[in-house]
């Protein structure tokens, strides 16, 4: 049954923890994120302060949407 639900609902409508890309930073402190090709609005934890478009962020599902926990740190340069 889970496979059918996943096939019918895009991942943005069926949230799970993972990564997303910030599409835009909004004046109210929220961000628009892109998840599975869909752009949706998300709240951010206070620790994610230096928000910028194109950030790859870790998100968790909350009440049918997402909350951004923080930005993934790029690996150190070799």
Protein backbone atom coordinates (compact mmCIF):
# COMPACT_ATOMS: atom_id res chain seq x y z
CA UNK A 1 0.00 0.00 0.00
CA UNK A 2 2.87 2.39 0.76
CA UNK A 3 4.12 2.07 -2.83
CA UNK A 4 0.71 3.08 -4.17
CA UNK A 5 0.56 6.14 -1.91
CA UNK A 6 4.09 7.16 -2.93
CA UNK A 7 3.14 6.77 -6.60
CA UNK A 8 -0.01 8.87 -6.23
CA UNK A 9 1.39 11.63 -4.01
CA UNK A 10 4.53 13.58 -4.84
CA UNK A 11 7.18 13.46 -2.13
CA UNK A 12 6.51 17.11 -1.28
CA UNK A 13 2.98 16.11 -0.25
CA UNK A 14 4.18 13.06 1.66
CA UNK A 15 7.09 14.48 3.69
CA UNK A 16 9.96 12.45 5.05
CA UNK A 17 13.30 13.53 6.56
CA UNK A 18 16.03 14.30 4.07
CA UNK A 19 17.57 17.03 2.03
CA UNK A 20 16.12 19.90 0.04
CA UNK A 21 17.46 22.92 -1.84
CA UNK A 22 16.59 26.49 -0.82
CA UNK A 23 14.92 28.22 -3.77
CA UNK A 24 14.37 31.60 -2.05
CA UNK A 25 14.80 33.31 1.31
CA UNK A 26 11.71 35.31 2.28
CA UNK A 27 11.54 38.50 4.39
CA UNK A 28 9.50 36.78 7.13
CA UNK A 29 12.38 34.37 7.89
CA UNK A 30 10.92 31.37 6.07
CA UNK A 31 12.38 29.83 2.94
CA UNK A 32 10.98 28.27 -0.18
CA UNK A 33 12.54 24.84 -0.65
CA UNK A 34 12.53 22.46 -3.58
CA UNK A 35 11.66 18.86 -2.74
CA UNK A 36 11.11 16.26 -5.46
CA UNK A 37 10.61 18.98 -8.07
CA UNK A 38 8.00 20.91 -6.06
CA UNK A 39 8.67 24.24 -4.35
CA UNK A 40 7.05 24.72 -0.94
CA UNK A 41 7.41 27.13 1.96
CA UNK A 42 9.20 25.97 5.12
CA UNK A 43 9.98 27.38 8.55
CA UNK A 44 13.57 27.31 9.84
CA UNK A 45 15.13 26.57 13.20
CA UNK A 46 16.90 29.56 14.78
CA UNK A 47 20.32 27.96 14.25
CA UNK A 48 20.02 28.28 10.48
CA UNK A 49 20.80 31.99 10.40
CA UNK A 50 22.82 32.64 7.25
CA UNK A 51 20.14 31.45 4.86
CA UNK A 52 20.86 31.67 1.15
CA UNK A 53 19.34 30.46 -2.09
CA UNK A 54 20.96 27.24 -3.38
CA UNK A 55 21.81 26.01 0.15
CA UNK A 56 21.39 22.25 0.50
CA UNK A 57 19.55 21.81 3.78
CA UNK A 58 18.38 19.03 6.09
CA UNK A 59 14.60 19.03 6.58
CA UNK A 60 12.21 17.16 8.86
CA UNK A 61 8.47 16.71 8.36
CA UNK A 62 6.14 18.63 10.67
CA UNK A 63 2.34 18.74 10.27
CA UNK A 64 2.37 17.87 6.58
CA UNK A 65 5.14 20.32 5.70
CA UNK A 66 8.81 20.76 6.47
CA UNK A 67 11.07 22.54 8.95
CA UNK A 68 14.63 23.32 7.91
CA UNK A 69 17.11 22.17 10.56
CA UNK A 70 20.24 23.60 8.96
CA UNK A 71 22.58 23.65 5.99
CA UNK A 72 24.69 20.64 5.08
CA UNK A 73 28.35 21.46 5.51
CA UNK A 74 30.35 20.87 2.33
CA UNK A 75 33.15 18.32 2.67
CA UNK A 76 36.64 19.73 3.27
CA UNK A 77 38.69 20.41 0.15
CA UNK A 78 41.39 17.78 -0.54
